[in-house]
N, C-alpha and C. Protein backbone atom coordinates (compact mmCIF):
# COMPACT_ATOMS: atom_id res chain seq x y z
N UNK A 1 143.87 81.64 89.85
CA UNK A 1 143.81 81.46 91.38
C UNK A 1 145.17 81.16 91.99
N UNK A 2 145.46 81.93 92.76
CA UNK A 2 146.93 81.39 93.22
C UNK A 2 146.31 80.12 94.71
N UNK A 3 145.44 80.16 95.22
CA UNK A 3 145.07 79.02 96.07
C UNK A 3 143.79 78.51 95.53
N UNK A 4 143.65 77.16 95.41
CA UNK A 4 142.29 76.44 95.21
C UNK A 4 141.41 77.10 95.35
N UNK A 5 140.86 77.56 96.40
CA UNK A 5 139.59 78.53 96.84
C UNK A 5 139.56 79.74 97.25
N UNK A 6 140.48 80.36 97.16
CA UNK A 6 140.73 82.05 97.28
C UNK A 6 141.88 82.52 97.72
N UNK A 7 141.91 83.95 97.99
CA UNK A 7 142.69 84.41 99.22
C UNK A 7 142.61 84.66 100.76
N UNK A 8 143.29 84.06 101.37
CA UNK A 8 143.11 83.92 102.78
C UNK A 8 143.68 85.17 103.33
N UNK A 9 143.30 85.87 104.23
CA UNK A 9 143.68 87.07 105.02
C UNK A 9 143.88 86.49 106.45
N UNK A 10 144.46 86.79 106.85
CA UNK A 10 144.00 86.57 108.93
C UNK A 10 143.99 88.15 109.37
N UNK A 11 142.98 88.36 110.19
CA UNK A 11 142.70 89.63 110.72
C UNK A 11 142.37 89.68 112.16
N UNK A 12 143.51 90.11 112.86
CA UNK A 12 143.30 90.47 114.32
C UNK A 12 141.89 91.00 114.82
N UNK A 13 140.83 90.28 115.85
CA UNK A 13 140.35 91.08 116.35
C UNK A 13 140.60 91.73 117.50
N UNK A 14 140.18 93.08 117.59
CA UNK A 14 140.26 93.80 118.66
C UNK A 14 139.33 93.99 119.95
N UNK A 15 139.51 94.07 120.93
CA UNK A 15 138.71 94.49 121.98
C UNK A 15 137.82 95.15 121.84
N UNK A 16 138.02 95.97 121.18
CA UNK A 16 137.00 97.25 120.94
C UNK A 16 136.07 96.81 119.93
N UNK A 17 136.22 95.65 118.90
CA UNK A 17 135.38 95.53 117.97
C UNK A 17 134.19 94.05 118.52
N UNK A 18 134.28 93.70 119.95
CA UNK A 18 133.46 93.10 120.62
C UNK A 18 132.43 93.70 121.22
N UNK A 19 131.11 93.35 121.58
CA UNK A 19 129.93 94.08 121.88
C UNK A 19 129.92 93.87 123.27
N UNK A 20 128.75 93.90 123.73
CA UNK A 20 128.23 93.71 125.45
C UNK A 20 128.22 92.35 125.59
N UNK A 21 127.58 91.37 124.45
CA UNK A 21 127.14 90.33 124.33
C UNK A 21 128.29 89.13 124.05
N UNK A 22 129.70 89.85 124.34
CA UNK A 22 130.82 88.68 123.57
C UNK A 22 131.16 88.32 122.92
N UNK A 23 130.62 89.05 121.84
CA UNK A 23 130.97 88.34 120.25
C UNK A 23 131.11 89.70 119.45
N UNK A 24 131.66 89.95 118.28
CA UNK A 24 132.24 90.43 117.53
C UNK A 24 130.83 91.45 117.07
N UNK A 25 131.20 92.63 117.01
CA UNK A 25 129.33 93.21 116.74
C UNK A 25 129.48 93.34 115.20
N UNK A 26 127.98 93.59 114.62
CA UNK A 26 127.73 93.19 113.37
C UNK A 26 128.51 94.44 112.74
N UNK A 27 128.59 95.52 113.07
CA UNK A 27 128.82 96.60 112.28
C UNK A 27 130.61 96.57 112.26
N UNK A 28 130.78 96.49 113.46
CA UNK A 28 132.59 96.11 113.18
C UNK A 28 133.08 95.07 111.89
N UNK A 29 132.08 94.02 112.13
CA UNK A 29 132.44 92.86 111.28
C UNK A 29 132.75 93.38 109.49
N UNK A 30 132.03 94.69 109.17
CA UNK A 30 132.33 95.56 107.94
C UNK A 30 133.61 95.76 107.93
N UNK A 31 134.32 96.34 108.95
CA UNK A 31 135.44 96.79 109.22
C UNK A 31 136.23 95.89 109.27
N UNK A 32 136.25 94.59 109.73
CA UNK A 32 137.11 93.63 109.69
C UNK A 32 137.15 92.90 108.23
N UNK A 33 136.47 92.89 107.14
CA UNK A 33 136.33 92.67 106.10
C UNK A 33 136.98 93.25 105.04
N UNK A 34 136.88 94.78 105.82
CA UNK A 34 137.79 96.00 104.99
C UNK A 34 139.36 95.65 104.92
N UNK A 35 139.35 95.40 106.44
CA UNK A 35 141.12 94.88 106.71
C UNK A 35 141.21 93.97 105.78
N UNK A 36 140.72 92.79 105.94
CA UNK A 36 140.84 91.70 105.29
C UNK A 36 141.16 91.85 103.91
N UNK A 37 140.47 92.79 102.66
CA UNK A 37 141.04 92.86 101.26
C UNK A 37 142.06 93.70 100.87
N UNK A 38 142.62 94.42 102.15
CA UNK A 38 143.60 95.42 101.82
C UNK A 38 144.80 94.67 101.28
N UNK A 39 145.22 93.57 101.65
CA UNK A 39 146.74 92.76 101.70
C UNK A 39 145.95 92.18 100.05
N UNK A 40 145.07 91.94 100.06
CA UNK A 40 144.81 90.76 98.57
C UNK A 40 144.70 92.20 97.49
N UNK A 41 143.98 93.37 97.55
CA UNK A 41 143.93 93.96 96.33
C UNK A 41 144.99 95.49 96.31
N UNK A 42 145.12 95.88 97.81
CA UNK A 42 146.00 97.28 97.51
C UNK A 42 147.28 97.55 97.76
N UNK A 43 148.14 96.62 98.12
CA UNK A 43 149.44 96.64 98.15
C UNK A 43 149.99 96.78 96.85
N UNK A 44 151.58 97.38 97.26
CA UNK A 44 151.92 98.21 95.90
C UNK A 44 152.44 96.87 94.81
N UNK A 45 152.33 95.88 95.21
CA UNK A 45 153.15 94.78 93.94
C UNK A 45 151.67 94.46 93.50
N UNK A 46 150.38 94.50 93.85
CA UNK A 46 148.96 94.05 93.37
C UNK A 46 148.80 94.73 92.04
N UNK A 47 148.56 94.43 90.91
CA UNK A 47 147.89 94.88 89.48
C UNK A 47 146.73 96.10 90.30
N UNK A 48 145.74 96.13 91.45
CA UNK A 48 144.80 96.53 91.79
C UNK A 48 145.50 97.31 92.46
N UNK A 49 146.82 97.87 93.08
CA UNK A 49 147.19 98.73 93.94
C UNK A 49 146.58 100.00 93.38
N UNK A 50 146.57 100.62 92.05
CA UNK A 50 145.73 101.80 91.87
C UNK A 50 144.49 102.06 92.17
N UNK A 51 143.55 100.71 92.74
CA UNK A 51 142.24 101.17 93.48
C UNK A 51 142.68 102.13 94.46
N UNK A 52 143.22 101.92 95.31
CA UNK A 52 144.16 102.73 96.37
C UNK A 52 143.59 104.34 96.30
N UNK A 53 144.02 104.58 95.13
CA UNK A 53 143.24 106.00 94.88
C UNK A 53 142.11 106.15 94.40
N UNK A 54 140.93 105.37 94.26
CA UNK A 54 139.70 105.58 94.38
C UNK A 54 138.96 104.39 93.96
N UNK A 55 138.46 103.78 95.02
CA UNK A 55 137.46 102.61 95.13
C UNK A 55 136.26 103.05 95.96
N UNK A 56 134.70 102.57 95.82
CA UNK A 56 133.93 102.80 96.54
C UNK A 56 132.92 101.45 96.47
N UNK A 57 132.81 101.31 97.93
CA UNK A 57 131.65 100.26 97.96
C UNK A 57 130.50 100.55 97.55
N UNK A 58 129.77 99.58 96.59
CA UNK A 58 128.53 100.06 95.90
C UNK A 58 127.11 99.42 96.23
N UNK A 59 128.00 97.84 96.93
CA UNK A 59 126.55 97.00 97.43
C UNK A 59 127.55 96.40 98.88
N UNK A 60 126.44 96.08 99.78
CA UNK A 60 127.35 95.08 100.71
C UNK A 60 125.97 94.25 101.29
N UNK A 61 126.50 92.67 101.58
CA UNK A 61 125.55 92.01 102.05
C UNK A 61 126.32 91.23 103.00
N UNK A 62 125.86 91.25 104.11
CA UNK A 62 126.62 90.28 105.09
C UNK A 62 125.40 89.41 105.96
N UNK A 63 125.80 88.20 105.86
CA UNK A 63 125.21 87.11 106.48
C UNK A 63 125.61 86.29 107.81
N UNK A 64 125.09 86.71 109.07
CA UNK A 64 125.89 86.50 110.20
C UNK A 64 124.95 84.72 110.57
N UNK A 65 126.01 83.80 110.55
CA UNK A 65 125.55 82.48 110.51
C UNK A 65 125.81 81.85 111.94
N UNK A 66 126.73 82.52 112.64
CA UNK A 66 127.14 82.01 113.99
C UNK A 66 128.38 83.23 114.60
N UNK A 67 128.41 82.76 115.81
CA UNK A 67 129.02 83.91 116.67
C UNK A 67 130.47 83.74 116.46
N UNK A 68 131.45 84.67 116.23
CA UNK A 68 132.89 85.00 116.43
C UNK A 68 133.22 85.82 117.82
N UNK A 69 134.11 85.22 118.31
CA UNK A 69 134.67 85.98 119.64
C UNK A 69 136.07 86.40 119.40
N UNK A 70 136.63 87.48 120.58
CA UNK A 70 138.02 87.68 120.58
C UNK A 70 138.67 86.27 120.64
N UNK A 71 138.76 85.52 121.42
CA UNK A 71 139.39 84.43 121.20
C UNK A 71 139.46 83.77 119.93
N UNK A 72 138.46 83.91 119.14
CA UNK A 72 138.30 82.82 117.71
C UNK A 72 139.67 84.13 116.61
N UNK A 73 140.13 84.98 117.35
CA UNK A 73 141.51 85.58 116.56
C UNK A 73 142.84 85.06 116.60
N UNK A 74 143.52 85.28 115.15
CA UNK A 74 142.67 86.09 114.04
C UNK A 74 141.90 85.24 113.33
N UNK A 75 141.01 85.83 112.74
CA UNK A 75 139.71 85.08 111.72
C UNK A 75 140.43 84.82 110.43
N UNK A 76 140.08 83.77 109.92
CA UNK A 76 140.05 83.43 108.58
C UNK A 76 139.29 84.03 107.74
N UNK A 77 139.69 84.97 106.80
CA UNK A 77 138.71 85.64 105.92
C UNK A 77 138.95 85.19 104.60
N UNK A 78 138.54 84.18 104.05
CA UNK A 78 138.69 83.73 102.70
C UNK A 78 137.61 84.69 101.72
N UNK A 79 138.54 84.99 100.57
CA UNK A 79 137.82 85.93 99.80
C UNK A 79 138.23 85.37 97.93
N UNK A 80 137.11 85.66 97.26
CA UNK A 80 137.26 85.43 95.76
C UNK A 80 136.62 86.62 95.28
N UNK A 81 136.59 86.45 93.89
CA UNK A 81 135.67 87.26 92.95
C UNK A 81 134.52 86.24 92.14
N UNK A 82 133.50 87.25 92.03
CA UNK A 82 132.37 86.71 91.36
C UNK A 82 132.41 87.02 90.17
N UNK A 83 132.36 88.32 90.03
CA UNK A 83 132.05 88.91 88.65
C UNK A 83 132.85 90.28 88.45
N UNK A 84 133.13 90.49 87.48
CA UNK A 84 133.98 91.19 87.27
C UNK A 84 133.62 92.12 85.81
N UNK A 85 133.30 93.32 85.86
CA UNK A 85 132.60 94.14 84.98
C UNK A 85 133.76 95.26 84.49
N UNK A 86 132.93 95.87 83.67
CA UNK A 86 133.87 96.91 83.37
C UNK A 86 134.30 98.16 83.96
N UNK A 87 133.70 98.37 85.34
CA UNK A 87 134.13 99.42 86.26
C UNK A 87 133.95 98.48 87.47
N UNK A 88 133.00 97.55 87.71
CA UNK A 88 133.25 97.03 89.48
C UNK A 88 133.69 95.64 89.21
N UNK A 89 133.51 95.12 90.40
CA UNK A 89 133.75 93.63 90.75
C UNK A 89 133.15 93.52 92.16
N UNK A 90 132.93 91.95 92.27
CA UNK A 90 132.14 91.47 93.27
C UNK A 90 132.91 90.55 93.99
N UNK A 91 133.54 90.95 95.44
CA UNK A 91 133.80 90.09 96.12
C UNK A 91 133.11 89.39 97.11
N UNK A 92 133.40 88.00 97.13
CA UNK A 92 132.72 87.02 98.07
C UNK A 92 133.44 86.98 99.47
N UNK A 93 133.14 86.53 100.41
CA UNK A 93 134.02 86.73 102.09
C UNK A 93 133.27 84.97 102.27
N UNK A 94 134.09 84.38 103.25
CA UNK A 94 133.56 83.53 104.11
C UNK A 94 134.73 83.99 105.41
N UNK A 95 134.12 83.66 106.26
CA UNK A 95 134.65 83.93 108.03
C UNK A 95 134.99 82.95 108.66
N UNK A 96 136.04 82.16 109.25
CA UNK A 96 136.02 81.63 109.97
C UNK A 96 136.86 81.78 111.50
N UNK A 97 136.73 81.24 112.53
CA UNK A 97 137.50 81.43 113.67
C UNK A 97 138.88 80.72 112.93
N UNK A 98 140.10 81.23 114.06
CA UNK A 98 141.47 80.68 113.80
C UNK A 98 141.49 79.30 113.69
N UNK A 99 141.83 78.64 112.79
CA UNK A 99 141.78 76.95 112.61
C UNK A 99 140.94 76.15 112.24
N UNK A 100 139.81 76.80 111.95
CA UNK A 100 138.96 76.08 111.54
C UNK A 100 139.35 75.62 109.77
N UNK A 101 138.90 74.18 109.62
CA UNK A 101 139.04 74.03 108.69
C UNK A 101 137.74 74.35 107.20
N UNK A 102 137.97 74.68 106.01
CA UNK A 102 137.12 75.43 105.32
C UNK A 102 136.04 74.37 104.93
N UNK A 103 136.19 72.96 105.81
CA UNK A 103 135.09 72.23 105.46
C UNK A 103 133.50 72.80 106.71
N UNK A 104 134.20 73.48 107.57
CA UNK A 104 133.41 74.15 108.53
C UNK A 104 132.54 74.92 108.23
N UNK A 105 131.08 75.40 108.46
CA UNK A 105 130.15 76.24 107.78
C UNK A 105 130.86 77.55 108.37
N UNK A 106 131.14 78.29 107.48
CA UNK A 106 131.65 79.58 107.89
C UNK A 106 130.60 80.32 108.72
N UNK A 107 131.42 81.36 109.92
CA UNK A 107 130.17 82.19 110.96
C UNK A 107 129.69 83.38 109.89
N UNK A 108 130.43 83.75 109.16
CA UNK A 108 129.89 84.87 108.38
C UNK A 108 130.45 84.55 106.73
N UNK A 109 129.26 85.07 106.21
CA UNK A 109 129.35 85.24 104.43
C UNK A 109 128.94 86.25 104.19
N UNK A 110 129.70 86.95 103.38
CA UNK A 110 129.56 88.37 102.70
C UNK A 110 129.75 88.34 101.30
N UNK A 111 129.26 89.80 100.81
CA UNK A 111 129.67 90.21 99.31
C UNK A 111 129.53 91.42 99.65
N UNK A 112 130.65 92.16 98.39
CA UNK A 112 130.86 93.64 98.78
C UNK A 112 131.08 94.08 96.88
N UNK A 113 130.00 94.73 96.49
CA UNK A 113 130.38 95.44 95.03
C UNK A 113 131.37 96.51 95.28
N UNK A 114 132.43 96.41 94.29
CA UNK A 114 133.43 97.24 94.61
C UNK A 114 133.40 98.23 93.16
N UNK A 115 133.64 98.98 92.84
CA UNK A 115 133.52 100.33 91.78
C UNK A 115 134.79 101.12 91.82
N UNK A 116 135.45 100.82 90.67
CA UNK A 116 136.89 101.74 90.42
C UNK A 116 135.81 103.24 90.21
N UNK A 117 136.87 104.14 90.90
CA UNK A 117 136.34 105.78 91.16
C UNK A 117 137.61 106.10 90.74
N UNK A 118 137.05 107.36 89.82
CA UNK A 118 137.94 108.59 89.85
C UNK A 118 137.83 109.63 90.67
N UNK A 119 138.30 109.82 91.75
CA UNK A 119 138.35 110.74 92.83
C UNK A 119 138.28 112.06 92.29
N UNK A 120 139.05 112.43 91.21
CA UNK A 120 139.46 113.95 90.69
C UNK A 120 138.09 114.33 89.79
N UNK A 121 137.59 113.36 89.21
CA UNK A 121 136.61 113.66 88.17
C UNK A 121 135.37 113.09 89.06
N UNK A 122 135.22 112.42 89.88
CA UNK A 122 133.97 111.99 90.37
C UNK A 122 133.07 111.53 89.74
N UNK A 123 133.80 110.30 89.15
CA UNK A 123 132.82 109.30 88.43
C UNK A 123 134.11 108.02 88.59
N UNK A 124 132.59 107.09 87.82
CA UNK A 124 133.21 105.74 87.67
C UNK A 124 134.70 105.75 86.56
N UNK A 125 135.51 104.96 86.77
CA UNK A 125 136.54 104.77 85.88
C UNK A 125 136.05 103.37 85.58
N UNK A 126 136.97 103.27 84.19
CA UNK A 126 136.98 101.19 84.04
C UNK A 126 137.71 100.75 84.46
N UNK A 127 137.81 99.55 84.52
CA UNK A 127 139.27 98.48 84.93
C UNK A 127 139.97 98.72 83.92
N UNK A 128 141.61 98.71 84.36
CA UNK A 128 142.50 98.64 83.26
C UNK A 128 142.71 96.87 82.98
N UNK A 129 143.53 96.39 81.79
CA UNK A 129 143.46 95.08 81.32
C UNK A 129 143.97 94.47 82.69
N UNK A 130 145.17 95.05 83.14
CA UNK A 130 145.55 94.04 84.24
C UNK A 130 144.83 94.30 85.65
N UNK A 131 144.06 95.04 85.77
CA UNK A 131 143.35 94.79 87.07
C UNK A 131 142.38 93.76 86.70
N UNK A 132 141.54 93.90 85.54
CA UNK A 132 140.24 93.03 84.80
C UNK A 132 141.25 91.64 85.29
N UNK A 133 142.62 91.47 84.55
CA UNK A 133 143.24 89.86 84.59
C UNK A 133 143.19 89.57 86.03
N UNK A 134 144.27 90.36 87.03
CA UNK A 134 144.21 89.93 88.03
C UNK A 134 142.98 89.45 88.95
N UNK A 135 141.85 90.28 88.67
CA UNK A 135 140.43 90.07 89.55
C UNK A 135 140.13 88.78 88.77
N UNK A 136 139.88 88.73 87.72
CA UNK A 136 139.67 87.05 86.90
C UNK A 136 140.05 86.25 87.77
N UNK A 137 141.53 86.20 87.89
CA UNK A 137 142.33 85.01 88.14
C UNK A 137 141.65 84.79 89.40
N UNK A 138 141.19 85.36 90.38
CA UNK A 138 140.61 85.05 91.47
C UNK A 138 139.04 84.38 91.38
N UNK A 139 138.79 84.30 90.15
CA UNK A 139 137.04 83.86 90.07
C UNK A 139 137.22 82.60 90.44
N UNK A 140 135.96 82.08 91.40
CA UNK A 140 135.48 80.58 91.53
C UNK A 140 134.44 80.04 90.17
N UNK A 141 134.74 79.09 89.71
CA UNK A 141 134.20 78.53 88.85
C UNK A 141 132.53 78.21 89.34
């Protein structure tokens, strides 16, 4: 793992992410999680860049433990893998306000299961050895 605890991604909160109660809307949080994982998994220099050609979310869990507001931007999204299988992997997330220490309870904890998908064949595909190695390197003990 490149960092002791996972990959950190900074995500800017847009005004449109807020709801009438002046905190980030629960549905928009799912979009912010997606934006956080893009630099970790889908950039050209990543072994997982091929997932841009086909990956689907097969399971999603989000637990809201505290409010986040526009002023908490950019959000610090910490991500790591907890399971890597033949065709899918599980990402865990902790979301905190800008500048919060990792010892502070995250406002959001989430988990997504991502499956590698062959769009042309409309079926799952096995992760490559390079993809598996990269994803395994981000696993927490």
